[in-house]
């Protein structure tokens, strides 16, 4: 609560981008770039705001930045698989 927000950028595969264009999954959702894939920005105060969304859409979504959020998620996947 009342933590400073930071930006998380996700890359959305073209196979699911229509869902992200039709619906805002978080109120801070902003489309940055739309080519084959979609780049979307979210403002969050905690990784747990974004990680459930990423889990839901695997493998068609990637965390681009920040590196700390990406690393945290990759560790979670590695731990799950081991």
N, C-alpha and C. Protein backbone atom coordinates (compact mmCIF):
# COMPACT_ATOMS: atom_id res chain seq x y z
N UNK A 1 0.83 -1.18 0.00
CA UNK A 1 0.00 0.00 0.00
C UNK A 1 0.87 1.24 0.00
N UNK A 2 0.55 2.18 -0.84
CA UNK A 2 1.27 3.45 -0.98
C UNK A 2 2.74 3.28 -1.31
N UNK A 3 3.06 2.21 -2.03
CA UNK A 3 4.41 2.04 -2.52
C UNK A 3 4.48 2.70 -3.89
N UNK A 4 5.66 3.12 -4.24
CA UNK A 4 5.83 3.75 -5.55
C UNK A 4 5.69 2.70 -6.65
N UNK A 5 4.97 3.07 -7.70
CA UNK A 5 4.75 2.12 -8.78
C UNK A 5 5.94 2.09 -9.73
N UNK A 6 6.04 0.99 -10.45
CA UNK A 6 7.08 0.84 -11.46
C UNK A 6 6.44 0.21 -12.69
N UNK A 7 7.13 0.35 -13.80
CA UNK A 7 6.60 -0.12 -15.07
C UNK A 7 7.06 -1.53 -15.37
N UNK A 8 6.12 -2.35 -15.80
CA UNK A 8 6.41 -3.70 -16.28
C UNK A 8 5.97 -3.74 -17.74
N UNK A 9 6.88 -4.19 -18.60
CA UNK A 9 6.56 -4.28 -20.03
C UNK A 9 6.49 -5.74 -20.42
N UNK A 10 5.39 -6.09 -21.07
CA UNK A 10 5.15 -7.46 -21.52
C UNK A 10 5.07 -7.50 -23.03
N UNK A 11 5.54 -8.59 -23.60
CA UNK A 11 5.39 -8.83 -25.02
C UNK A 11 4.33 -9.91 -25.18
N UNK A 12 3.30 -9.58 -25.94
CA UNK A 12 2.15 -10.46 -26.13
C UNK A 12 2.22 -11.04 -27.53
N UNK A 13 2.18 -12.34 -27.63
CA UNK A 13 2.24 -13.02 -28.92
C UNK A 13 1.01 -12.65 -29.76
N UNK A 14 1.22 -12.60 -31.07
CA UNK A 14 0.13 -12.21 -31.96
C UNK A 14 -1.08 -13.13 -31.87
N UNK A 15 -0.87 -14.37 -31.46
CA UNK A 15 -1.98 -15.32 -31.37
C UNK A 15 -3.00 -14.96 -30.28
N UNK A 16 -2.59 -14.15 -29.30
CA UNK A 16 -3.51 -13.76 -28.22
C UNK A 16 -3.68 -12.25 -28.08
N UNK A 17 -3.06 -11.48 -28.93
CA UNK A 17 -3.07 -10.02 -28.73
C UNK A 17 -4.47 -9.42 -28.79
N UNK A 18 -5.39 -10.06 -29.52
CA UNK A 18 -6.75 -9.52 -29.61
C UNK A 18 -7.41 -9.44 -28.23
N UNK A 19 -7.08 -10.38 -27.34
CA UNK A 19 -7.67 -10.36 -26.00
C UNK A 19 -7.19 -9.15 -25.20
N UNK A 20 -5.94 -8.77 -25.40
CA UNK A 20 -5.38 -7.64 -24.68
C UNK A 20 -5.83 -6.31 -25.28
N UNK A 21 -6.18 -6.32 -26.53
CA UNK A 21 -6.69 -5.11 -27.16
C UNK A 21 -8.15 -4.87 -26.77
N UNK A 22 -8.88 -5.95 -26.52
CA UNK A 22 -10.30 -5.84 -26.18
C UNK A 22 -10.54 -5.54 -24.70
N UNK A 23 -9.61 -5.98 -23.84
CA UNK A 23 -9.84 -5.88 -22.41
C UNK A 23 -8.59 -5.38 -21.69
N UNK A 24 -8.80 -4.48 -20.75
CA UNK A 24 -7.69 -4.07 -19.89
C UNK A 24 -7.64 -5.03 -18.71
N UNK A 25 -6.53 -5.75 -18.59
CA UNK A 25 -6.40 -6.70 -17.50
C UNK A 25 -6.02 -6.01 -16.19
N UNK A 26 -5.40 -4.84 -16.29
CA UNK A 26 -5.17 -3.95 -15.15
C UNK A 26 -5.51 -2.56 -15.63
N UNK A 27 -5.94 -1.72 -14.74
CA UNK A 27 -6.36 -0.37 -15.14
C UNK A 27 -5.24 0.46 -15.76
N UNK A 28 -4.01 0.13 -15.43
CA UNK A 28 -2.87 0.90 -15.94
C UNK A 28 -2.38 0.43 -17.31
N UNK A 29 -3.06 -0.52 -17.91
CA UNK A 29 -2.62 -1.10 -19.19
C UNK A 29 -2.52 -0.03 -20.28
N UNK A 30 -1.36 0.00 -20.94
CA UNK A 30 -1.13 0.91 -22.05
C UNK A 30 -0.42 0.15 -23.16
N UNK A 31 -0.95 0.26 -24.37
CA UNK A 31 -0.32 -0.38 -25.52
C UNK A 31 0.81 0.52 -25.99
N UNK A 32 2.01 -0.02 -26.03
CA UNK A 32 3.18 0.75 -26.44
C UNK A 32 3.46 0.62 -27.92
N UNK A 33 3.30 -0.59 -28.42
CA UNK A 33 3.66 -0.87 -29.82
C UNK A 33 2.84 -2.04 -30.31
N UNK A 34 2.38 -1.90 -31.53
CA UNK A 34 1.62 -3.01 -32.12
C UNK A 34 2.17 -3.32 -33.49
N UNK A 35 2.86 -4.42 -33.56
CA UNK A 35 3.34 -4.95 -34.84
C UNK A 35 2.82 -6.36 -34.89
N UNK A 36 3.67 -7.33 -35.18
CA UNK A 36 3.21 -8.72 -35.10
C UNK A 36 2.81 -9.04 -33.67
N UNK A 37 3.70 -8.76 -32.76
CA UNK A 37 3.41 -8.92 -31.34
C UNK A 37 3.03 -7.57 -30.76
N UNK A 38 2.53 -7.60 -29.56
CA UNK A 38 2.06 -6.39 -28.90
C UNK A 38 2.95 -6.12 -27.70
N UNK A 39 3.37 -4.89 -27.53
CA UNK A 39 4.11 -4.49 -26.32
C UNK A 39 3.15 -3.70 -25.45
N UNK A 40 3.01 -4.15 -24.21
CA UNK A 40 2.08 -3.51 -23.28
C UNK A 40 2.81 -3.13 -22.00
N UNK A 41 2.45 -1.98 -21.48
CA UNK A 41 3.03 -1.48 -20.24
C UNK A 41 1.97 -1.53 -19.13
N UNK A 42 2.40 -1.89 -17.94
CA UNK A 42 1.56 -1.86 -16.75
C UNK A 42 2.31 -1.14 -15.66
N UNK A 43 1.61 -0.37 -14.86
CA UNK A 43 2.19 0.24 -13.66
C UNK A 43 1.72 -0.59 -12.47
N UNK A 44 2.68 -1.13 -11.74
CA UNK A 44 2.37 -1.97 -10.58
C UNK A 44 3.21 -1.53 -9.38
N UNK A 45 2.77 -1.95 -8.21
CA UNK A 45 3.54 -1.65 -7.00
C UNK A 45 4.17 -2.91 -6.42
N UNK A 46 3.79 -4.08 -6.99
CA UNK A 46 4.29 -5.35 -6.49
C UNK A 46 4.24 -6.36 -7.64
N UNK A 47 5.24 -7.21 -7.72
CA UNK A 47 5.28 -8.23 -8.78
C UNK A 47 4.05 -9.12 -8.77
N UNK A 48 3.45 -9.33 -7.62
CA UNK A 48 2.29 -10.21 -7.55
C UNK A 48 1.05 -9.63 -8.24
N UNK A 49 1.12 -8.40 -8.64
CA UNK A 49 0.03 -7.83 -9.43
C UNK A 49 0.10 -8.32 -10.88
N UNK A 50 1.29 -8.60 -11.37
CA UNK A 50 1.46 -8.95 -12.77
C UNK A 50 1.74 -10.43 -13.01
N UNK A 51 2.39 -11.10 -12.07
CA UNK A 51 2.78 -12.50 -12.29
C UNK A 51 1.60 -13.45 -12.53
N UNK A 52 0.48 -13.32 -11.85
CA UNK A 52 -0.65 -14.20 -12.17
C UNK A 52 -1.13 -14.05 -13.62
N UNK A 53 -1.09 -12.84 -14.13
CA UNK A 53 -1.47 -12.61 -15.52
C UNK A 53 -0.50 -13.31 -16.47
N UNK A 54 0.78 -13.23 -16.18
CA UNK A 54 1.79 -13.87 -17.01
C UNK A 54 1.62 -15.40 -16.96
N UNK A 55 1.40 -15.93 -15.78
CA UNK A 55 1.19 -17.38 -15.64
C UNK A 55 -0.01 -17.84 -16.47
N UNK A 56 -1.07 -17.07 -16.43
CA UNK A 56 -2.31 -17.44 -17.12
C UNK A 56 -2.11 -17.57 -18.62
N UNK A 57 -1.27 -16.73 -19.20
CA UNK A 57 -1.13 -16.67 -20.65
C UNK A 57 0.13 -17.35 -21.17
N UNK A 58 0.84 -18.07 -20.32
CA UNK A 58 2.02 -18.79 -20.79
C UNK A 58 1.61 -19.80 -21.86
N UNK A 59 2.36 -20.03 -22.84
CA UNK A 59 3.69 -19.54 -23.19
C UNK A 59 3.65 -18.36 -24.15
N UNK A 60 2.50 -17.70 -24.26
CA UNK A 60 2.32 -16.65 -25.27
C UNK A 60 2.59 -15.24 -24.76
N UNK A 61 3.28 -15.15 -23.66
CA UNK A 61 3.57 -13.85 -23.07
C UNK A 61 4.99 -13.87 -22.49
N UNK A 62 5.67 -12.73 -22.59
CA UNK A 62 7.04 -12.64 -22.07
C UNK A 62 7.19 -11.34 -21.28
N UNK A 63 7.94 -11.42 -20.20
CA UNK A 63 8.28 -10.22 -19.45
C UNK A 63 9.52 -9.62 -20.09
N UNK A 64 9.42 -8.40 -20.53
CA UNK A 64 10.55 -7.71 -21.16
C UNK A 64 11.35 -6.93 -20.11
N UNK A 65 10.67 -6.22 -19.25
CA UNK A 65 11.33 -5.47 -18.18
C UNK A 65 10.34 -5.25 -17.05
N UNK A 66 10.81 -5.00 -15.85
CA UNK A 66 12.20 -4.90 -15.41
C UNK A 66 12.84 -6.28 -15.28
N UNK A 67 14.13 -6.28 -15.31
CA UNK A 67 14.89 -7.52 -15.23
C UNK A 67 14.62 -8.26 -13.92
N UNK A 68 14.43 -7.54 -12.85
CA UNK A 68 14.18 -8.18 -11.55
C UNK A 68 12.88 -8.99 -11.56
N UNK A 69 11.85 -8.49 -12.20
CA UNK A 69 10.57 -9.21 -12.30
C UNK A 69 10.73 -10.42 -13.21
N UNK A 70 11.43 -10.24 -14.31
CA UNK A 70 11.67 -11.35 -15.23
C UNK A 70 12.46 -12.46 -14.54
N UNK A 71 13.52 -12.09 -13.83
CA UNK A 71 14.35 -13.06 -13.12
C UNK A 71 13.56 -13.80 -12.04
N UNK A 72 12.72 -13.06 -11.34
CA UNK A 72 11.90 -13.67 -10.30
C UNK A 72 10.96 -14.72 -10.91
N UNK A 73 10.37 -14.39 -12.03
CA UNK A 73 9.46 -15.32 -12.68
C UNK A 73 10.19 -16.55 -13.23
N UNK A 74 11.35 -16.34 -13.83
CA UNK A 74 12.12 -17.47 -14.34
C UNK A 74 12.56 -18.40 -13.22
N UNK A 75 12.92 -17.83 -12.08
CA UNK A 75 13.28 -18.65 -10.92
C UNK A 75 12.08 -19.47 -10.46
N UNK A 76 10.93 -18.85 -10.44
CA UNK A 76 9.70 -19.55 -10.06
C UNK A 76 9.44 -20.75 -10.98
N UNK A 77 9.64 -20.56 -12.26
CA UNK A 77 9.45 -21.66 -13.23
C UNK A 77 10.47 -22.77 -13.01
N UNK A 78 11.74 -22.37 -12.84
CA UNK A 78 12.78 -23.36 -12.59
C UNK A 78 12.51 -24.17 -11.33
N UNK A 79 12.09 -23.49 -10.27
CA UNK A 79 11.78 -24.16 -9.01
C UNK A 79 10.60 -25.13 -9.18
N UNK A 80 9.64 -24.73 -9.95
CA UNK A 80 8.47 -25.58 -10.20
C UNK A 80 8.85 -26.84 -10.96
N UNK A 81 9.75 -26.69 -11.91
CA UNK A 81 10.14 -27.81 -12.77
C UNK A 81 11.15 -28.75 -12.11
N UNK A 82 11.79 -28.31 -11.06
CA UNK A 82 12.79 -29.17 -10.43
C UNK A 82 12.23 -29.99 -9.29
